Amino acid sequence: MSSPAGETVVFPTCLVEQLRPELAGACDALVAAADGIDPRTAHGGACCGQPAWNAGFTAATRRVAGATLRALRRTNGPIVVPSGSCATMMQRHWPDVFAGTSHEAEARAVAGRVVELATYLDARSPHEPVPPAATTVTVHDSCHGLRELGVKAQPRRLLAERGVEVVESEGAERCCGFGGTFCVKFPAVSVAMADDRLDEWTASGVQTVVGGDLSCLVHLEGRARRRSLPLRFRHLAEVLRSSGDPSVDP
């Protein structure tokens, strides 16, 4: 069954559904507030296929991503994804994944509708910052969102509109070391990269790290807990939904 024309679709990603399902509700609420109409949550999909694609398994990527493609091809309107990594895979790489197959045309059509969450909300925002409150955070710029989708200023503008002051860190654009299967294949390197980010934040006195990719946040949070570091990691949607207070669950 297809969705009504003009409807916005939220694809929460498999990681959100498995590890932090409440984040999907925050995304729905933010999109609804931006559009003035409740979005449709895409069901029946699975993974975007990025782990298999990065590992060079094209056939496996098609099998995994194919389920998600089938779920999304029945919808209309923008597909909002709360992950720069997954949005990049779907928007930039699905046309290559399905090239030469019977699904190529629909993969290109769906890819053209995919929008990363911060970019979607920023484009619909009145851009009216409020005076900063006592709330300060730092932003971690995830690799795919930053380098392939140009997500940099958008989350900072959205946070400013909630009265959240962003304290910039010198290494904001450095990789956290997750990288999907990279952290499994090269755990020592992955941990060292995470520690690089954690050390900088700890030294600066920052307490809350905000990001647009749950995968990066979970990786960093796990390492911070292992080291007993007093850092909090929140997805952008959670902070925006909680009226800019990163200590409050949406």
C-alpha atoms as a PDB file:
ATOM      1  CA  MET A   1       0.000   0.000   0.000  1.00  0.00           C
ATOM      2  CA  SER A   2       1.453   3.345  -0.988  1.00  0.00           C
ATOM      3  CA  SER A   3       1.428   6.458   1.151  1.00  0.00           C
ATOM      4  CA  PRO A   4      -0.513   9.608   0.202  1.00  0.00           C
ATOM      5  CA  ALA A   5       1.152  12.074  -2.130  1.00  0.00           C
ATOM      6  CA  GLY A   6       2.969  14.851  -0.307  1.00  0.00           C
ATOM      7  CA  GLU A   7       3.509  12.796   2.813  1.00  0.00           C
ATOM      8  CA  THR A   8       6.874  12.796   4.576  1.00  0.00           C
ATOM      9  CA  VAL A   9       8.351   9.437   5.501  1.00  0.00           C
ATOM     10  CA  VAL A  10      10.732   8.797   8.398  1.00  0.00           C
ATOM     11  CA  PHE A  11      13.103   5.864   8.007  1.00  0.00           C
ATOM     12  CA  PRO A  12      14.474   5.413  11.555  1.00  0.00           C
ATOM     13  CA  THR A  13      17.332   3.024  10.575  1.00  0.00           C
ATOM     14  CA  CYS A  14      17.959  -0.412  12.030  1.00  0.00           C
ATOM     15  CA  LEU A  15      20.335   0.876  14.690  1.00  0.00           C
ATOM     16  CA  VAL A  16      17.745   3.268  16.103  1.00  0.00           C
ATOM     17  CA  GLU A  17      15.091   0.573  16.118  1.00  0.00           C
ATOM     18  CA  GLN A  18      17.373  -1.898  17.891  1.00  0.00           C
ATOM     19  CA  LEU A  19      19.283   0.303  20.335  1.00  0.00           C
ATOM     20  CA  ARG A  20      17.295   3.483  20.965  1.00  0.00           C
ATOM     21  CA  PRO A  21      13.741   3.130  19.625  1.00  0.00           C
ATOM     22  CA  GLU A  22      12.570   6.218  21.495  1.00  0.00           C
ATOM     23  CA  LEU A  23      14.726   8.251  19.124  1.00  0.00           C
ATOM     24  CA  ALA A  24      12.352   7.343  16.301  1.00  0.00           C
ATOM     25  CA  GLY A  25       9.536   9.036  18.211  1.00  0.00           C
ATOM     26  CA  ALA A  26      11.619  12.177  18.641  1.00  0.00           C
ATOM     27  CA  CYS A  27      12.289  12.251  14.893  1.00  0.00           C
ATOM     28  CA  ASP A  28       8.600  11.823  14.107  1.00  0.00           C
ATOM     29  CA  ALA A  29       7.683  14.677  16.442  1.00  0.00           C
ATOM     30  CA  LEU A  30      10.286  17.043  15.000  1.00  0.00           C
ATOM     31  CA  VAL A  31       9.244  16.343  11.414  1.00  0.00           C
ATOM     32  CA  ALA A  32       5.590  16.749  12.365  1.00  0.00           C
ATOM     33  CA  ALA A  33       6.348  20.127  13.959  1.00  0.00           C
ATOM     34  CA  ALA A  34       8.267  21.230  10.875  1.00  0.00           C
ATOM     35  CA  ASP A  35       5.639  20.100   8.376  1.00  0.00           C
ATOM     36  CA  GLY A  36       2.450  20.607  10.342  1.00  0.00           C
ATOM     37  CA  ILE A  37       1.403  17.026   9.604  1.00  0.00           C
ATOM     38  CA  ASP A  38       2.367  13.698  11.102  1.00  0.00           C
ATOM     39  CA  PRO A  39       4.934  11.790   9.046  1.00  0.00           C
ATOM     40  CA  ARG A  40       4.680   8.142   8.164  1.00  0.00           C
ATOM     41  CA  THR A  41       7.215   5.797   9.731  1.00  0.00           C
ATOM     42  CA  ALA A  42       8.597   3.341   7.199  1.00  0.00           C
ATOM     43  CA  HIS A  43       7.991  -0.237   8.317  1.00  0.00           C
ATOM     44  CA  GLY A  44       9.048  -3.486   6.721  1.00  0.00           C
ATOM     45  CA  GLY A  45      12.556  -2.356   5.904  1.00  0.00           C
ATOM     46  CA  ALA A  46      15.807  -3.568   7.342  1.00  0.00           C
ATOM     47  CA  CYS A  47      19.333  -2.213   7.003  1.00  0.00           C
ATOM     48  CA  CYS A  48      20.495   0.211   4.326  1.00  0.00           C
ATOM     49  CA  GLY A  49      23.189  -2.337   3.450  1.00  0.00           C
ATOM     50  CA  GLN A  50      26.197  -0.203   4.232  1.00  0.00           C
ATOM     51  CA  PRO A  51      28.232  -2.764   6.253  1.00  0.00           C
ATOM     52  CA  ALA A  52      28.065  -5.317   3.452  1.00  0.00           C
ATOM     53  CA  TRP A  53      28.715  -2.665   0.785  1.00  0.00           C
ATOM     54  CA  ASN A  54      31.808  -1.329   2.547  1.00  0.00           C
ATOM     55  CA  ALA A  55      33.106  -4.875   2.888  1.00  0.00           C
ATOM     56  CA  GLY A  56      32.728  -5.478  -0.843  1.00  0.00           C
ATOM     57  CA  PHE A  57      29.774  -7.871  -0.790  1.00  0.00           C
ATOM     58  CA  THR A  58      27.536  -6.461  -3.503  1.00  0.00           C
ATOM     59  CA  ALA A  59      25.143  -9.398  -3.697  1.00  0.00           C
ATOM     60  CA  ALA A  60      24.637  -9.408   0.066  1.00  0.00           C
ATOM     61  CA  THR A  61      24.106  -5.641  -0.010  1.00  0.00           C
ATOM     62  CA  ARG A  62      21.346  -6.060  -2.574  1.00  0.00           C
ATOM     63  CA  ARG A  63      19.619  -8.703  -0.467  1.00  0.00           C
ATOM     64  CA  VAL A  64      19.689  -6.603   2.698  1.00  0.00           C
ATOM     65  CA  ALA A  65      19.006  -3.209   1.124  1.00  0.00           C
ATOM     66  CA  GLY A  66      16.407  -4.750  -1.166  1.00  0.00           C
ATOM     67  CA  ALA A  67      13.986  -5.237   1.721  1.00  0.00           C
ATOM     68  CA  THR A  68      14.309  -1.577   2.652  1.00  0.00           C
ATOM     69  CA  LEU A  69      13.952  -0.505  -0.968  1.00  0.00           C
ATOM     70  CA  ARG A  70      10.732  -2.517  -1.292  1.00  0.00           C
ATOM     71  CA  ALA A  71       9.327  -0.829   1.813  1.00  0.00           C
ATOM     72  CA  LEU A  72      10.253   2.667   0.674  1.00  0.00           C
ATOM     73  CA  ARG A  73       9.239   2.387  -2.971  1.00  0.00           C
ATOM     74  CA  ARG A  74       5.609   2.132  -1.822  1.00  0.00           C
ATOM     75  CA  THR A  75       5.831   5.569  -0.204  1.00  0.00           C
ATOM     76  CA  ASN A  76       5.776   9.113  -1.553  1.00  0.00           C
ATOM     77  CA  GLY A  77       7.439  12.329  -0.506  1.00  0.00           C
ATOM     78  CA  PRO A  78      10.759  13.010   1.244  1.00  0.00           C
ATOM     79  CA  ILE A  79      12.394  10.185   3.192  1.00  0.00           C
ATOM     80  CA  VAL A  80      13.963  11.650   6.335  1.00  0.00           C
ATOM     81  CA  VAL A  81      16.824   9.641   7.832  1.00  0.00           C
ATOM     82  CA  PRO A  82      18.323  10.464  11.285  1.00  0.00           C
ATOM     83  CA  SER A  83      21.780   9.322  10.253  1.00  0.00           C
ATOM     84  CA  GLY A  84      24.282  10.890   7.895  1.00  0.00           C
ATOM     85  CA  SER A  85      25.861   7.493   7.364  1.00  0.00           C
ATOM     86  CA  CYS A  86      22.670   5.690   6.348  1.00  0.00           C
ATOM     87  CA  ALA A  87      21.410   8.694   4.381  1.00  0.00           C
ATOM     88  CA  THR A  88      24.662   8.746   2.416  1.00  0.00           C
ATOM     89  CA  MET A  89      24.413   5.046   1.656  1.00  0.00           C
ATOM     90  CA  MET A  90      20.854   5.361   0.407  1.00  0.00           C
ATOM     91  CA  GLN A  91      21.212   8.661  -1.407  1.00  0.00           C
ATOM     92  CA  ARG A  92      24.665   8.291  -2.933  1.00  0.00           C
ATOM     93  CA  HIS A  93      25.332   4.552  -3.209  1.00  0.00           C
ATOM     94  CA  TRP A  94      22.026   2.781  -3.810  1.00  0.00           C
ATOM     95  CA  PRO A  95      22.093   3.727  -7.520  1.00  0.00           C
ATOM     96  CA  ASP A  96      25.432   1.889  -7.762  1.00  0.00           C
ATOM     97  CA  VAL A  97      24.281  -1.029  -5.622  1.00  0.00           C
ATOM     98  CA  PHE A  98      21.316  -1.735  -7.877  1.00  0.00           C
ATOM     99  CA  ALA A  99      22.912  -0.668 -11.164  1.00  0.00           C
ATOM    100  CA  GLY A 100      22.201  -3.111 -13.953  1.00  0.00           C
ATOM    101  CA  THR A 101      19.385  -4.833 -12.053  1.00  0.00           C
ATOM    102  CA  SER A 102      15.635  -4.641 -12.482  1.00  0.00           C
ATOM    103  CA  HIS A 103      15.523  -2.431  -9.385  1.00  0.00           C
ATOM    104  CA  GLU A 104      17.896   0.257 -10.655  1.00  0.00           C
ATOM    105  CA  ALA A 105      15.193   2.751 -11.650  1.00  0.00           C
ATOM    106  CA  GLU A 106      13.298   2.515  -8.387  1.00  0.00           C
ATOM    107  CA  ALA A 107      16.550   2.657  -6.404  1.00  0.00           C
ATOM    108  CA  ARG A 108      17.435   5.914  -8.140  1.00  0.00           C
ATOM    109  CA  ALA A 109      13.953   7.266  -7.525  1.00  0.00           C
ATOM    110  CA  VAL A 110      14.041   6.435  -3.817  1.00  0.00           C
ATOM    111  CA  ALA A 111      17.619   7.715  -3.467  1.00  0.00           C
ATOM    112  CA  GLY A 112      16.526  11.068  -4.848  1.00  0.00           C
ATOM    113  CA  ARG A 113      13.993  11.441  -2.035  1.00  0.00           C
ATOM    114  CA  VAL A 114      16.366  10.715   0.865  1.00  0.00           C
ATOM    115  CA  VAL A 115      17.235  13.649   3.160  1.00  0.00           C
ATOM    116  CA  GLU A 116      19.330  13.626   6.320  1.00  0.00           C
ATOM    117  CA  LEU A 117      17.344  14.805   9.381  1.00  0.00           C
ATOM    118  CA  ALA A 118      19.295  17.977  10.286  1.00  0.00           C
ATOM    119  CA  THR A 119      19.276  19.103   6.665  1.00  0.00           C
ATOM    120  CA  TYR A 120      15.530  18.528   6.433  1.00  0.00           C
ATOM    121  CA  LEU A 121      14.720  20.426   9.632  1.00  0.00           C
ATOM    122  CA  ASP A 122      17.159  23.247   8.872  1.00  0.00           C
ATOM    123  CA  ALA A 123      15.533  23.871   5.485  1.00  0.00           C
ATOM    124  CA  ARG A 124      12.172  24.335   7.206  1.00  0.00           C
ATOM    125  CA  SER A 125      13.366  26.389  10.158  1.00  0.00           C
ATOM    126  CA  PRO A 126      12.634  30.096  10.611  1.00  0.00           C
ATOM    127  CA  HIS A 127      16.245  30.552  11.778  1.00  0.00           C
ATOM    128  CA  GLU A 128      15.433  32.660  14.795  1.00  0.00           C
ATOM    129  CA  PRO A 129      18.069  31.939  17.452  1.00  0.00           C
ATOM    130  CA  VAL A 130      17.093  32.664  21.035  1.00  0.00           C
ATOM    131  CA  PRO A 131      19.474  33.977  23.700  1.00  0.00           C
ATOM    132  CA  PRO A 132      21.678  31.100  24.872  1.00  0.00           C
ATOM    133  CA  ALA A 133      20.728  29.523  28.163  1.00  0.00           C
ATOM    134  CA  ALA A 134      23.138  27.903  30.568  1.00  0.00           C
ATOM    135  CA  THR A 135      23.169  24.846  28.326  1.00  0.00           C
ATOM    136  CA  THR A 136      26.404  24.170  26.456  1.00  0.00           C
ATOM    137  CA  VAL A 137      27.306  21.205  24.286  1.00  0.00           C
ATOM    138  CA  THR A 138      29.869  20.286  21.695  1.00  0.00           C
ATOM    139  CA  VAL A 139      29.011  18.780  18.327  1.00  0.00           C
ATOM    140  CA  HIS A 140      30.700  15.749  16.813  1.00  0.00           C
ATOM    141  CA  ASP A 141      30.620  15.933  13.012  1.00  0.00           C
ATOM    142  CA  SER A 142      30.235  12.387  11.735  1.00  0.00           C
ATOM    143  CA  CYS A 143      32.273  11.501   8.660  1.00  0.00           C
ATOM    144  CA  HIS A 144      29.609  10.611   6.102  1.00  0.00           C
ATOM    145  CA  GLY A 145      27.263  13.426   7.023  1.00  0.00           C
ATOM    146  CA  LEU A 146      30.053  15.980   6.937  1.00  0.00           C
ATOM    147  CA  ARG A 147      32.071  14.847   3.944  1.00  0.00           C
ATOM    148  CA  GLU A 148      29.415  13.454   1.642  1.00  0.00           C
ATOM    149  CA  LEU A 149      26.270  15.371   2.588  1.00  0.00           C
ATOM    150  CA  GLY A 150      27.723  18.661   3.823  1.00  0.00           C
ATOM    151  CA  VAL A 151      26.115  18.463   7.260  1.00  0.00           C
ATOM    152  CA  LYS A 152      27.991  20.994   9.395  1.00  0.00           C
ATOM    153  CA  ALA A 153      26.178  24.275   9.984  1.00  0.00           C
ATOM    154  CA  GLN A 154      22.680  22.761  10.046  1.00  0.00           C
ATOM    155  CA  PRO A 155      22.771  21.119  13.497  1.00  0.00           C
ATOM    156  CA  ARG A 156      24.485  24.145  14.987  1.00  0.00           C
ATOM    157  CA  ARG A 157      21.771  26.481  13.686  1.00  0.00           C
ATOM    158  CA  LEU A 158      19.059  24.187  15.000  1.00  0.00           C
ATOM    159  CA  LEU A 159      20.672  24.046  18.439  1.00  0.00           C
ATOM    160  CA  ALA A 160      21.052  27.847  18.523  1.00  0.00           C
ATOM    161  CA  GLU A 161      17.330  28.145  17.888  1.00  0.00           C
ATOM    162  CA  ARG A 162      16.777  26.143  21.087  1.00  0.00           C
ATOM    163  CA  GLY A 163      19.099  28.350  23.105  1.00  0.00           C
ATOM    164  CA  VAL A 164      21.893  25.794  23.177  1.00  0.00           C
ATOM    165  CA  GLU A 165      25.416  27.171  22.993  1.00  0.00           C
ATOM    166  CA  VAL A 166      27.828  25.047  20.980  1.00  0.00           C
ATOM    167  CA  VAL A 167      31.396  24.991  22.259  1.00  0.00           C
ATOM    168  CA  GLU A 168      33.524  24.053  19.279  1.00  0.00           C
ATOM    169  CA  SER A 169      36.316  21.539  19.650  1.00  0.00           C
ATOM    170  CA  GLU A 170      39.431  21.525  17.515  1.00  0.00           C
ATOM    171  CA  GLY A 171      38.870  17.947  16.399  1.00  0.00           C
ATOM    172  CA  ALA A 172      35.146  18.174  15.735  1.00  0.00           C
ATOM    173  CA  GLU A 173      35.630  16.798  12.221  1.00  0.00           C
ATOM    174  CA  ARG A 174      37.895  13.903  13.178  1.00  0.00           C
ATOM    175  CA  CYS A 175      36.576  10.356  12.851  1.00  0.00           C
ATOM    176  CA  CYS A 176      35.481   8.734  16.102  1.00  0.00           C
ATOM    177  CA  GLY A 177      36.859   5.356  15.029  1.00  0.00           C
ATOM    178  CA  PHE A 178      33.586   3.491  14.579  1.00  0.00           C
ATOM    179  CA  GLY A 179      33.420   3.052  10.818  1.00  0.00           C
ATOM    180  CA  GLY A 180      31.037   0.090  10.920  1.00  0.00           C
ATOM    181  CA  THR A 181      33.078  -3.071  10.369  1.00  0.00           C
ATOM    182  CA  PHE A 182      36.272  -1.013  10.782  1.00  0.00           C
ATOM    183  CA  CYS A 183      35.954  -1.147  14.573  1.00  0.00           C
ATOM    184  CA  VAL A 184      35.695  -4.949  14.382  1.00  0.00           C
ATOM    185  CA  LYS A 185      38.576  -5.446  11.978  1.00  0.00           C
ATOM    186  CA  PHE A 186      40.889  -2.919  13.630  1.00  0.00           C
ATOM    187  CA  PRO A 187      39.779  -2.647  17.278  1.00  0.00           C
ATOM    188  CA  ALA A 188      43.024  -1.165  18.603  1.00  0.00           C
ATOM    189  CA  VAL A 189      43.014   1.618  16.015  1.00  0.00           C
ATOM    190  CA  SER A 190      39.313   2.206  16.584  1.00  0.00           C
ATOM    191  CA  VAL A 191      39.793   2.560  20.347  1.00  0.00           C
ATOM    192  CA  ALA A 192      42.740   4.925  19.870  1.00  0.00           C
ATOM    193  CA  MET A 193      40.642   7.145  17.591  1.00  0.00           C
ATOM    194  CA  ALA A 194      37.797   7.197  20.107  1.00  0.00           C
ATOM    195  CA  ASP A 195      40.214   8.051  22.923  1.00  0.00           C
ATOM    196  CA  ASP A 196      41.541  10.962  20.879  1.00  0.00           C
ATOM    197  CA  ARG A 197      38.080  12.487  20.792  1.00  0.00           C
ATOM    198  CA  LEU A 198      37.264  11.643  24.401  1.00  0.00           C
ATOM    199  CA  ASP A 199      40.526  13.108  25.717  1.00  0.00           C
ATOM    200  CA  GLU A 200      39.900  16.418  23.989  1.00  0.00           C
ATOM    201  CA  TRP A 201      36.365  16.718  25.297  1.00  0.00           C
ATOM    202  CA  THR A 202      37.350  15.741  28.821  1.00  0.00           C
ATOM    203  CA  ALA A 203      40.182  18.269  28.870  1.00  0.00           C
ATOM    204  CA  SER A 204      37.860  21.039  27.689  1.00  0.00           C
ATOM    205  CA  GLY A 205      35.329  20.393  30.433  1.00  0.00           C
ATOM    206  CA  VAL A 206      32.498  19.612  28.031  1.00  0.00           C
ATOM    207  CA  GLN A 207      29.824  17.375  29.514  1.00  0.00           C
ATOM    208  CA  THR A 208      27.511  16.719  26.554  1.00  0.00           C
ATOM    209  CA  VAL A 209      28.403  15.611  23.032  1.00  0.00           C
ATOM    210  CA  VAL A 210      25.697  15.958  20.379  1.00  0.00           C
ATOM    211  CA  GLY A 211      25.790  14.133  17.068  1.00  0.00           C
ATOM    212  CA  GLY A 212      23.628  13.128  14.142  1.00  0.00           C
ATOM    213  CA  ASP A 213      24.681   9.484  13.926  1.00  0.00           C
ATOM    214  CA  LEU A 214      23.677   7.052  16.647  1.00  0.00           C
ATOM    215  CA  SER A 215      26.399   4.640  15.535  1.00  0.00           C
ATOM    216  CA  CYS A 216      29.143   7.145  16.368  1.00  0.00           C
ATOM    217  CA  LEU A 217      27.479   8.122  19.629  1.00  0.00           C
ATOM    218  CA  VAL A 218      27.099   4.525  20.801  1.00  0.00           C
ATOM    219  CA  HIS A 219      30.730   3.791  19.951  1.00  0.00           C
ATOM    220  CA  LEU A 220      31.955   6.839  21.857  1.00  0.00           C
ATOM    221  CA  GLU A 221      29.609   6.251  24.772  1.00  0.00           C
ATOM    222  CA  GLY A 222      30.764   2.666  25.151  1.00  0.00           C
ATOM    223  CA  ARG A 223      34.414   3.707  25.298  1.00  0.00           C
ATOM    224  CA  ALA A 224      33.638   6.573  27.693  1.00  0.00           C
ATOM    225  CA  ARG A 225      31.844   4.203  30.048  1.00  0.00           C
ATOM    226  CA  ARG A 226      34.774   1.788  29.912  1.00  0.00           C
ATOM    227  CA  ARG A 227      36.998   4.642  31.041  1.00  0.00           C
ATOM    228  CA  SER A 228      34.434   5.965  33.572  1.00  0.00           C
ATOM    229  CA  LEU A 229      34.412   9.384  31.917  1.00  0.00           C
ATOM    230  CA  PRO A 230      31.649  11.878  32.889  1.00  0.00           C
ATOM    231  CA  LEU A 231      30.442  12.487  29.347  1.00  0.00           C
ATOM    232  CA  ARG A 232      26.893  12.380  28.021  1.00  0.00           C
ATOM    233  CA  PHE A 233      26.151  11.519  24.384  1.00  0.00           C
ATOM    234  CA  ARG A 234      22.898  12.640  22.799  1.00  0.00           C
ATOM    235  CA  HIS A 235      21.494  12.485  19.307  1.00  0.00           C
ATOM    236  CA  LEU A 236      20.558  15.858  17.841  1.00  0.00           C
ATOM    237  CA  ALA A 237      16.899  14.831  17.654  1.00  0.00           C
ATOM    238  CA  GLU A 238      16.826  14.053  21.371  1.00  0.00           C
ATOM    239  CA  VAL A 239      18.192  17.473  22.305  1.00  0.00           C
ATOM    240  CA  LEU A 240      15.894  19.348  19.945  1.00  0.00           C
ATOM    241  CA  ARG A 241      12.876  17.391  21.123  1.00  0.00           C
ATOM    242  CA  SER A 242      13.684  18.118  24.797  1.00  0.00           C
ATOM    243  CA  SER A 243      13.585  21.881  24.095  1.00  0.00           C
ATOM    244  CA  GLY A 244      17.340  22.120  24.035  1.00  0.00           C
ATOM    245  CA  ASP A 245      18.045  20.487  27.383  1.00  0.00           C
ATOM    246  CA  PRO A 246      20.481  17.607  26.768  1.00  0.00           C
ATOM    247  CA  SER A 247      19.927  16.245  30.271  1.00  0.00           C
ATOM    248  CA  VAL A 248      16.232  15.573  29.663  1.00  0.00           C
ATOM    249  CA  ASP A 249      14.924  12.606  27.724  1.00  0.00           C
ATOM    250  CA  PRO A 250      12.553  13.634  24.903  1.00  0.00           C
END
